Amino acid sequence: MNENNASSQNAEKKVGPIVATLIIVLVLIIAALYLFASKINQSAIPTDGSDATTTAATGASQDIQSLQNDVNGATSGLDKQNF
C-alpha cells in the first residue's frame, strides 16, 4: 500500500512545475501579442500638419526643387518609423 501512496505523491509533485511552466509561457505569449498589437495600431506616418503631398498630387508645382521638397516632406515620417 505504501508503494501506491508514494507513487501518487511523486505524480502530484511532478504536475505542479509543469502547470507553473505552462502558466508562465501563456502569460509571456499574451504579453507579446498585446505589445505586437499595440505597435500595429500606432500611426504609420505621423502627421506634422504639412500639406506637401497635396501639392505633389495636384501637380501645382512643376520645378524640380519644389518637387524635391514635396518628396522630402512626404517621406519625412518614414525615417522615424524605421522604414
Protein backbone atom coordinates (compact mmCIF):
# COMPACT_ATOMS: atom_id res chain seq x y z
CA MET A 1 0.00 0.00 0.00
CA ASN A 2 2.90 2.33 0.75
CA GLU A 3 4.23 1.99 -2.77
CA ASN A 4 0.94 3.21 -4.23
CA ASN A 5 0.86 6.23 -1.93
CA ALA A 6 4.49 7.07 -2.70
CA SER A 7 3.96 6.86 -6.45
CA SER A 8 0.83 9.02 -6.33
CA GLN A 9 2.68 11.65 -4.28
CA ASN A 10 5.50 11.67 -6.83
CA ALA A 11 3.00 12.09 -9.64
CA GLU A 12 1.38 15.03 -7.85
CA LYS A 13 4.76 16.65 -7.29
CA LYS A 14 5.60 16.44 -10.99
CA VAL A 15 2.36 18.13 -12.09
CA GLY A 16 2.99 21.36 -10.14
CA PRO A 17 6.09 22.54 -12.03
CA ILE A 18 4.52 21.62 -15.36
CA VAL A 19 1.41 23.70 -14.61
CA ALA A 20 3.54 26.62 -13.40
CA THR A 21 5.64 26.49 -16.55
CA LEU A 22 2.55 26.44 -18.76
CA ILE A 23 1.09 29.44 -16.93
CA ILE A 24 4.32 31.41 -17.34
CA VAL A 25 4.52 30.58 -21.05
CA LEU A 26 0.89 31.62 -21.57
CA VAL A 27 1.46 34.93 -19.80
CA LEU A 28 4.50 35.61 -21.96
CA ILE A 29 2.59 34.80 -25.16
CA ILE A 30 -0.31 37.06 -24.17
CA ALA A 31 2.11 39.90 -23.32
CA ALA A 32 3.90 39.51 -26.65
CA LEU A 33 0.63 39.56 -28.59
CA TYR A 34 -0.52 42.65 -26.69
CA LEU A 35 2.71 44.53 -27.44
CA PHE A 36 2.61 43.45 -31.10
CA ALA A 37 -1.00 44.60 -31.48
CA SER A 38 -0.29 47.95 -29.82
CA LYS A 39 2.64 48.55 -32.19
CA ILE A 40 0.45 47.78 -35.22
CA ASN A 41 -2.23 50.21 -34.04
CA GLN A 42 0.23 53.11 -33.97
CA SER A 43 0.03 55.59 -36.81
CA ALA A 44 2.25 54.54 -39.71
CA ILE A 45 3.15 58.11 -40.67
CA PRO A 46 2.94 60.83 -38.04
CA THR A 47 1.03 63.89 -39.13
CA ASP A 48 3.08 67.05 -38.87
CA GLY A 49 0.46 69.37 -40.33
CA SER A 50 2.25 69.88 -43.66
CA ASP A 51 0.34 69.67 -46.90
CA ALA A 52 3.25 68.60 -49.10
CA THR A 53 1.52 65.58 -50.62
CA THR A 54 -1.45 67.62 -51.81
CA THR A 55 0.64 69.92 -53.99
CA ALA A 56 2.54 66.98 -55.48
CA ALA A 57 -0.65 65.07 -56.23
CA THR A 58 -2.40 68.01 -57.86
CA GLY A 59 0.61 68.93 -59.97
CA ALA A 60 0.67 72.52 -58.70
CA SER A 61 4.45 72.61 -58.51
CA GLN A 62 6.40 71.90 -61.68
CA ASP A 63 10.02 72.86 -60.98
CA ILE A 64 12.49 70.28 -59.70
CA GLN A 65 13.22 71.96 -56.36
CA SER A 66 9.51 72.15 -55.45
CA LEU A 67 9.02 68.50 -56.40
CA GLN A 68 12.06 67.50 -54.32
CA ASN A 69 10.69 69.44 -51.34
CA ASP A 70 7.33 67.68 -51.77
CA VAL A 71 9.02 64.26 -51.80
CA ASN A 72 11.12 65.12 -48.76
CA GLY A 73 8.03 66.32 -46.89
CA ALA A 74 6.03 63.22 -47.82
CA THR A 75 8.74 60.79 -46.72
CA SER A 76 9.91 62.58 -43.57
CA GLY A 77 7.77 60.39 -41.30
CA LEU A 78 9.15 57.17 -42.77
CA ASP A 79 12.57 57.72 -41.24
CA LYS A 80 11.02 57.95 -37.79
CA GLN A 81 9.16 54.65 -38.32
CA ASN A 82 12.32 52.72 -39.36
CA PHE A 83 11.32 52.19 -42.98
